[in-house]
């Protein structure tokens, strides 16, 4: 049984930082592309960032977070991370970890909702102005 659990959300002032973590069990973690999505009430869930399988040589980001967020993975710990710096009130959302395709994804791949095989339960990030 696959379980995906996020942690690390919270309340932070604008300009601050948070690091989200996601641990996935019940699967061969290093063979899956992984990603982060976020959602605010009344809006569609949107992709934030994704990383390719294995060493994670390919990473991609939404334009809104480029240069501020960094995705990474530690396959020995079955854990995905999202380092979020220079946070803005517009980053306030529920953040979801996503287990994507099992296998190769290319350099320009950006995970879509329909690509997701498993979701975490979400962790709330609130940025105050």
Protein backbone atom coordinates (compact mmCIF):
# COMPACT_ATOMS: atom_id res chain seq x y z
CA UNK A 1 0.00 0.00 0.00
CA UNK A 2 1.43 3.34 -1.07
CA UNK A 3 1.52 6.14 1.49
CA UNK A 4 2.58 9.71 0.80
CA UNK A 5 3.01 12.05 3.74
CA UNK A 6 3.99 15.72 3.65
CA UNK A 7 5.33 17.84 6.48
CA UNK A 8 6.97 21.21 7.04
CA UNK A 9 4.18 23.66 6.34
CA UNK A 10 3.36 26.52 8.64
CA UNK A 11 3.00 30.26 9.08
CA UNK A 12 5.86 32.49 7.97
CA UNK A 13 6.33 36.19 7.28
CA UNK A 14 6.89 37.48 3.78
CA UNK A 15 10.53 37.11 2.82
CA UNK A 16 10.97 34.07 5.02
CA UNK A 17 11.71 30.44 4.20
CA UNK A 18 10.19 27.01 4.70
CA UNK A 19 11.25 23.52 3.69
CA UNK A 20 8.58 20.99 2.85
CA UNK A 21 9.27 17.27 3.05
CA UNK A 22 7.40 14.34 1.56
CA UNK A 23 8.03 10.71 2.41
CA UNK A 24 6.61 8.02 0.16
CA UNK A 25 6.46 4.35 1.13
CA UNK A 26 5.20 1.19 -0.50
CA UNK A 27 6.85 1.86 -3.85
CA UNK A 28 10.25 1.96 -5.53
CA UNK A 29 10.70 5.64 -4.84
CA UNK A 30 13.73 6.21 -7.05
CA UNK A 31 11.96 5.00 -10.20
CA UNK A 32 9.25 7.67 -10.03
CA UNK A 33 9.23 11.28 -11.10
CA UNK A 34 8.01 13.38 -8.19
CA UNK A 35 6.38 16.76 -7.91
CA UNK A 36 4.75 19.46 -5.82
CA UNK A 37 1.40 21.08 -6.48
CA UNK A 38 -0.51 23.76 -4.61
CA UNK A 39 -4.10 24.85 -4.34
CA UNK A 40 -6.04 27.73 -2.84
CA UNK A 41 -9.77 27.56 -2.19
CA UNK A 42 -11.81 28.21 -5.28
CA UNK A 43 -8.92 27.70 -7.68
CA UNK A 44 -7.56 24.75 -9.60
CA UNK A 45 -4.62 22.79 -8.27
CA UNK A 46 -1.46 23.96 -10.02
CA UNK A 47 1.94 22.44 -10.56
CA UNK A 48 4.79 24.07 -8.67
CA UNK A 49 7.81 21.92 -9.44
CA UNK A 50 8.85 18.44 -10.49
CA UNK A 51 11.96 16.29 -10.55
CA UNK A 52 12.95 13.29 -12.64
CA UNK A 53 13.58 9.81 -11.29
CA UNK A 54 16.88 8.55 -9.94
CA UNK A 55 19.39 11.29 -9.32
CA UNK A 56 16.86 13.94 -10.31
CA UNK A 57 18.94 15.40 -13.08
CA UNK A 58 15.94 17.24 -14.52
CA UNK A 59 14.00 19.77 -12.49
CA UNK A 60 11.37 22.24 -13.61
CA UNK A 61 9.47 25.05 -11.95
CA UNK A 62 6.40 27.17 -12.46
CA UNK A 63 7.35 30.67 -13.57
CA UNK A 64 5.91 32.10 -10.36
CA UNK A 65 8.47 30.27 -8.19
CA UNK A 66 11.57 30.16 -10.38
CA UNK A 67 14.63 31.41 -8.57
CA UNK A 68 12.93 31.13 -5.17
CA UNK A 69 12.03 27.43 -4.78
CA UNK A 70 14.32 24.39 -5.11
CA UNK A 71 13.15 20.81 -5.44
CA UNK A 72 15.37 17.90 -4.46
CA UNK A 73 15.14 14.23 -3.54
CA UNK A 74 16.95 11.80 -1.25
CA UNK A 75 16.25 8.30 -2.56
CA UNK A 76 17.97 6.63 0.40
CA UNK A 77 15.31 8.21 2.61
CA UNK A 78 12.41 7.95 0.12
CA UNK A 79 11.98 11.67 0.63
CA UNK A 80 11.21 14.63 -1.60
CA UNK A 81 11.92 18.22 -0.56
CA UNK A 82 10.84 21.69 -1.55
CA UNK A 83 13.00 24.51 -0.24
CA UNK A 84 10.99 27.73 -0.44
CA UNK A 85 12.82 31.04 -0.03
CA UNK A 86 11.72 34.66 -0.37
CA UNK A 87 8.15 33.62 0.29
CA UNK A 88 5.35 35.94 -0.78
CA UNK A 89 1.74 36.16 0.40
CA UNK A 90 0.76 34.81 -3.03
CA UNK A 91 2.49 31.54 -2.12
CA UNK A 92 -0.15 30.88 0.53
CA UNK A 93 -1.81 27.57 -0.35
CA UNK A 94 -2.18 23.92 0.52
CA UNK A 95 0.86 22.14 -0.88
CA UNK A 96 0.56 18.59 -2.13
CA UNK A 97 3.23 16.03 -2.85
CA UNK A 98 2.68 14.01 -6.01
CA UNK A 99 4.04 10.69 -7.20
CA UNK A 100 4.23 10.99 -10.95
CA UNK A 101 5.18 8.71 -13.81
CA UNK A 102 7.16 5.55 -13.14
CA UNK A 103 10.04 5.85 -15.57
CA UNK A 104 11.89 8.31 -17.72
CA UNK A 105 10.76 11.90 -18.17
CA UNK A 106 12.64 14.34 -20.35
CA UNK A 107 14.35 17.64 -19.70
CA UNK A 108 11.27 19.75 -20.47
CA UNK A 109 8.75 17.62 -18.62
CA UNK A 110 6.38 19.44 -16.27
CA UNK A 111 3.99 17.28 -14.27
CA UNK A 112 0.28 17.63 -14.89
CA UNK A 113 -2.55 16.54 -12.61
CA UNK A 114 -3.42 13.65 -14.94
CA UNK A 115 0.14 12.31 -14.62
CA UNK A 116 -0.14 11.84 -10.87
CA UNK A 117 -0.40 8.31 -9.55
CA UNK A 118 -0.56 9.10 -5.84
CA UNK A 119 -1.20 12.22 -3.75
CA UNK A 120 -0.30 13.21 -0.24
CA UNK A 121 -2.84 14.73 2.11
CA UNK A 122 -1.37 18.22 1.85
CA UNK A 123 0.41 20.65 4.15
CA UNK A 124 -0.70 24.25 4.63
CA UNK A 125 1.66 27.12 3.92
CA UNK A 126 0.58 30.58 5.01
CA UNK A 127 2.67 33.66 4.27
CA UNK A 128 1.75 36.85 6.09
CA UNK A 129 2.46 40.31 4.70
